[in-house]
Amino acid sequence: MTTYVISVPGTFTGTVQDVTKDELARALRPADPHRTHLGDEEDLDALSVNDDGTFTIRLTVEADTAAHAEHRAQEVADSALREVGLYGSSAALGPSVVTGIDSGSDAPPGRNGTHP
């Protein structure tokens, strides 16, 4: 298994209170990218919110392939949003993308920034 850091972009379509954003960040905590070697290096937060209502959720996911990791990250993000009362169109998610891979190797990164 490989640990992937996955970014899931989204947009709040209405006003979301700060307390709800804080609850969302807590709901995402079990998948917090700070818990990986990559998260420490990149200083990633599980939730970043911009002034225009866009946001990025960053999660760590253990999976055999990047596609499985991206699918799992979408599920976790959707579940956390529902947990805090943000359903469907109130927080639209975009496509997830792999932003880091931690194979657990101490070898230096390859040319593409991943471990061989």
C-alpha atoms as a PDB file:
ATOM      1  CA  MET A   1       0.000   0.000   0.000  1.00  0.00           C
ATOM      2  CA  THR A   2       1.042   3.536  -0.705  1.00  0.00           C
ATOM      3  CA  THR A   3       0.076   6.734   1.108  1.00  0.00           C
ATOM      4  CA  TYR A   4      -1.274   9.386  -1.246  1.00  0.00           C
ATOM      5  CA  VAL A   5      -1.966  13.018  -0.461  1.00  0.00           C
ATOM      6  CA  ILE A   6      -5.085  13.923  -2.416  1.00  0.00           C
ATOM      7  CA  SER A   7      -6.476  17.419  -2.994  1.00  0.00           C
ATOM      8  CA  VAL A   8     -10.205  17.811  -3.503  1.00  0.00           C
ATOM      9  CA  PRO A   9     -11.287  21.300  -4.618  1.00  0.00           C
ATOM     10  CA  GLY A  10     -14.719  22.674  -3.934  1.00  0.00           C
ATOM     11  CA  THR A  11     -16.926  25.724  -3.739  1.00  0.00           C
ATOM     12  CA  PHE A  12     -19.340  26.825  -1.042  1.00  0.00           C
ATOM     13  CA  THR A  13     -22.351  28.091  -2.982  1.00  0.00           C
ATOM     14  CA  GLY A  14     -23.730  30.073  -0.063  1.00  0.00           C
ATOM     15  CA  THR A  15     -22.523  31.660   3.128  1.00  0.00           C
ATOM     16  CA  VAL A  16     -20.872  29.183   5.475  1.00  0.00           C
ATOM     17  CA  GLN A  17     -20.318  30.220   9.069  1.00  0.00           C
ATOM     18  CA  ASP A  18     -16.816  30.010  10.544  1.00  0.00           C
ATOM     19  CA  VAL A  19     -18.045  27.527  13.148  1.00  0.00           C
ATOM     20  CA  THR A  20     -19.153  25.177  10.340  1.00  0.00           C
ATOM     21  CA  LYS A  21     -15.752  25.498   8.658  1.00  0.00           C
ATOM     22  CA  ASP A  22     -14.100  24.646  11.988  1.00  0.00           C
ATOM     23  CA  GLU A  23     -16.394  21.607  12.363  1.00  0.00           C
ATOM     24  CA  LEU A  24     -15.476  20.516   8.838  1.00  0.00           C
ATOM     25  CA  ALA A  25     -11.765  20.794   9.615  1.00  0.00           C
ATOM     26  CA  ARG A  26     -12.307  18.633  12.737  1.00  0.00           C
ATOM     27  CA  ALA A  27     -14.312  16.076  10.708  1.00  0.00           C
ATOM     28  CA  LEU A  28     -11.385  15.783   8.305  1.00  0.00           C
ATOM     29  CA  ARG A  29      -8.787  15.393  11.057  1.00  0.00           C
ATOM     30  CA  PRO A  30      -8.457  11.569  10.848  1.00  0.00           C
ATOM     31  CA  ALA A  31      -7.220  12.051   7.248  1.00  0.00           C
ATOM     32  CA  ASP A  32      -5.041  15.078   8.044  1.00  0.00           C
ATOM     33  CA  PRO A  33      -2.019  15.302   5.715  1.00  0.00           C
ATOM     34  CA  HIS A  34       0.148  16.587   8.584  1.00  0.00           C
ATOM     35  CA  ARG A  35       0.406  12.968   9.703  1.00  0.00           C
ATOM     36  CA  THR A  36       2.565  12.016   6.716  1.00  0.00           C
ATOM     37  CA  HIS A  37       6.152  12.788   5.826  1.00  0.00           C
ATOM     38  CA  LEU A  38       4.816  14.766   2.858  1.00  0.00           C
ATOM     39  CA  GLY A  39       2.430  16.768   5.015  1.00  0.00           C
ATOM     40  CA  ASP A  40       5.236  17.825   7.331  1.00  0.00           C
ATOM     41  CA  GLU A  41       7.368  18.945   4.407  1.00  0.00           C
ATOM     42  CA  GLU A  42       4.606  20.776   2.604  1.00  0.00           C
ATOM     43  CA  ASP A  43       2.910  22.178   5.736  1.00  0.00           C
ATOM     44  CA  LEU A  44      -0.490  21.114   4.425  1.00  0.00           C
ATOM     45  CA  ASP A  45      -3.767  21.748   6.218  1.00  0.00           C
ATOM     46  CA  ALA A  46      -6.731  19.404   5.778  1.00  0.00           C
ATOM     47  CA  LEU A  47      -8.953  22.386   4.856  1.00  0.00           C
ATOM     48  CA  SER A  48      -8.039  25.666   3.180  1.00  0.00           C
ATOM     49  CA  VAL A  49     -10.803  28.192   2.504  1.00  0.00           C
ATOM     50  CA  ASN A  50     -10.424  31.224   0.250  1.00  0.00           C
ATOM     51  CA  ASP A  51     -12.319  34.528   0.549  1.00  0.00           C
ATOM     52  CA  ASP A  52     -14.297  33.775  -2.622  1.00  0.00           C
ATOM     53  CA  GLY A  53     -15.883  30.631  -1.133  1.00  0.00           C
ATOM     54  CA  THR A  54     -13.616  28.154  -2.869  1.00  0.00           C
ATOM     55  CA  PHE A  55     -11.833  25.602  -0.739  1.00  0.00           C
ATOM     56  CA  THR A  56      -9.408  22.718  -0.925  1.00  0.00           C
ATOM     57  CA  ILE A  57      -9.580  19.571   1.170  1.00  0.00           C
ATOM     58  CA  ARG A  58      -6.289  17.672   1.459  1.00  0.00           C
ATOM     59  CA  LEU A  59      -6.413  14.104   2.679  1.00  0.00           C
ATOM     60  CA  THR A  60      -4.037  11.220   3.155  1.00  0.00           C
ATOM     61  CA  VAL A  61      -5.309   7.960   1.745  1.00  0.00           C
ATOM     62  CA  GLU A  62      -3.780   4.475   1.787  1.00  0.00           C
ATOM     63  CA  ALA A  63      -4.451   2.736  -1.514  1.00  0.00           C
ATOM     64  CA  ASP A  64      -2.976   0.407  -4.113  1.00  0.00           C
ATOM     65  CA  THR A  65      -3.423   2.895  -6.969  1.00  0.00           C
ATOM     66  CA  ALA A  66      -3.835   6.631  -7.447  1.00  0.00           C
ATOM     67  CA  ALA A  67      -7.307   6.089  -8.914  1.00  0.00           C
ATOM     68  CA  HIS A  68      -8.435   4.215  -5.796  1.00  0.00           C
ATOM     69  CA  ALA A  69      -6.919   6.927  -3.599  1.00  0.00           C
ATOM     70  CA  GLU A  70      -8.733   9.686  -5.495  1.00  0.00           C
ATOM     71  CA  HIS A  71     -12.049   7.821  -5.263  1.00  0.00           C
ATOM     72  CA  ARG A  72     -11.606   7.242  -1.519  1.00  0.00           C
ATOM     73  CA  ALA A  73     -10.698  10.903  -0.956  1.00  0.00           C
ATOM     74  CA  GLN A  74     -13.912  11.987  -2.707  1.00  0.00           C
ATOM     75  CA  GLU A  75     -15.885   9.674  -0.397  1.00  0.00           C
ATOM     76  CA  VAL A  76     -14.170  11.005   2.743  1.00  0.00           C
ATOM     77  CA  ALA A  77     -14.627  14.645   1.675  1.00  0.00           C
ATOM     78  CA  ASP A  78     -18.298  14.098   0.834  1.00  0.00           C
ATOM     79  CA  SER A  79     -18.905  12.313   4.138  1.00  0.00           C
ATOM     80  CA  ALA A  80     -17.250  15.104   6.160  1.00  0.00           C
ATOM     81  CA  LEU A  81     -19.303  17.752   4.361  1.00  0.00           C
ATOM     82  CA  ARG A  82     -22.534  15.841   5.085  1.00  0.00           C
ATOM     83  CA  GLU A  83     -21.462  15.379   8.713  1.00  0.00           C
ATOM     84  CA  VAL A  84     -21.439  19.166   9.205  1.00  0.00           C
ATOM     85  CA  GLY A  85     -24.694  19.727   7.321  1.00  0.00           C
ATOM     86  CA  LEU A  86     -23.334  20.756   3.917  1.00  0.00           C
ATOM     87  CA  TYR A  87     -25.250  18.658   1.396  1.00  0.00           C
ATOM     88  CA  GLY A  88     -25.148  18.455  -2.378  1.00  0.00           C
ATOM     89  CA  SER A  89     -25.080  21.834  -4.041  1.00  0.00           C
ATOM     90  CA  SER A  90     -24.239  23.809  -0.869  1.00  0.00           C
ATOM     91  CA  ALA A  91     -20.627  22.601  -1.202  1.00  0.00           C
ATOM     92  CA  ALA A  92     -19.887  21.387  -4.711  1.00  0.00           C
ATOM     93  CA  LEU A  93     -16.771  19.232  -5.038  1.00  0.00           C
ATOM     94  CA  GLY A  94     -14.507  19.214  -8.069  1.00  0.00           C
ATOM     95  CA  PRO A  95     -12.354  16.349  -9.301  1.00  0.00           C
ATOM     96  CA  SER A  96      -9.693  15.085  -6.922  1.00  0.00           C
ATOM     97  CA  VAL A  97      -6.018  15.022  -7.820  1.00  0.00           C
ATOM     98  CA  VAL A  98      -2.940  13.321  -6.389  1.00  0.00           C
ATOM     99  CA  THR A  99      -0.649  15.996  -4.959  1.00  0.00           C
ATOM    100  CA  GLY A 100       1.840  13.735  -3.201  1.00  0.00           C
ATOM    101  CA  ILE A 101       2.924  10.133  -2.841  1.00  0.00           C
ATOM    102  CA  ASP A 102       4.686   8.729   0.223  1.00  0.00           C
ATOM    103  CA  SER A 103       5.868   5.193  -0.444  1.00  0.00           C
ATOM    104  CA  GLY A 104       7.644   5.062   2.899  1.00  0.00           C
ATOM    105  CA  SER A 105      11.023   4.905   1.219  1.00  0.00           C
ATOM    106  CA  ASP A 106      13.867   7.092   2.437  1.00  0.00           C
ATOM    107  CA  ALA A 107      15.300   7.240  -1.076  1.00  0.00           C
ATOM    108  CA  PRO A 108      15.580  10.693  -2.599  1.00  0.00           C
ATOM    109  CA  PRO A 109      12.665  11.739  -4.828  1.00  0.00           C
ATOM    110  CA  GLY A 110      12.813  10.854  -8.505  1.00  0.00           C
ATOM    111  CA  ARG A 111      12.592  13.375 -11.323  1.00  0.00           C
ATOM    112  CA  ASN A 112       8.829  13.722 -11.068  1.00  0.00           C
ATOM    113  CA  GLY A 113       8.977  14.453  -7.328  1.00  0.00           C
ATOM    114  CA  THR A 114       7.857  10.987  -6.246  1.00  0.00           C
ATOM    115  CA  HIS A 115       9.824   8.192  -4.717  1.00  0.00           C
ATOM    116  CA  PRO A 116      10.929   5.483  -7.135  1.00  0.00           C
END
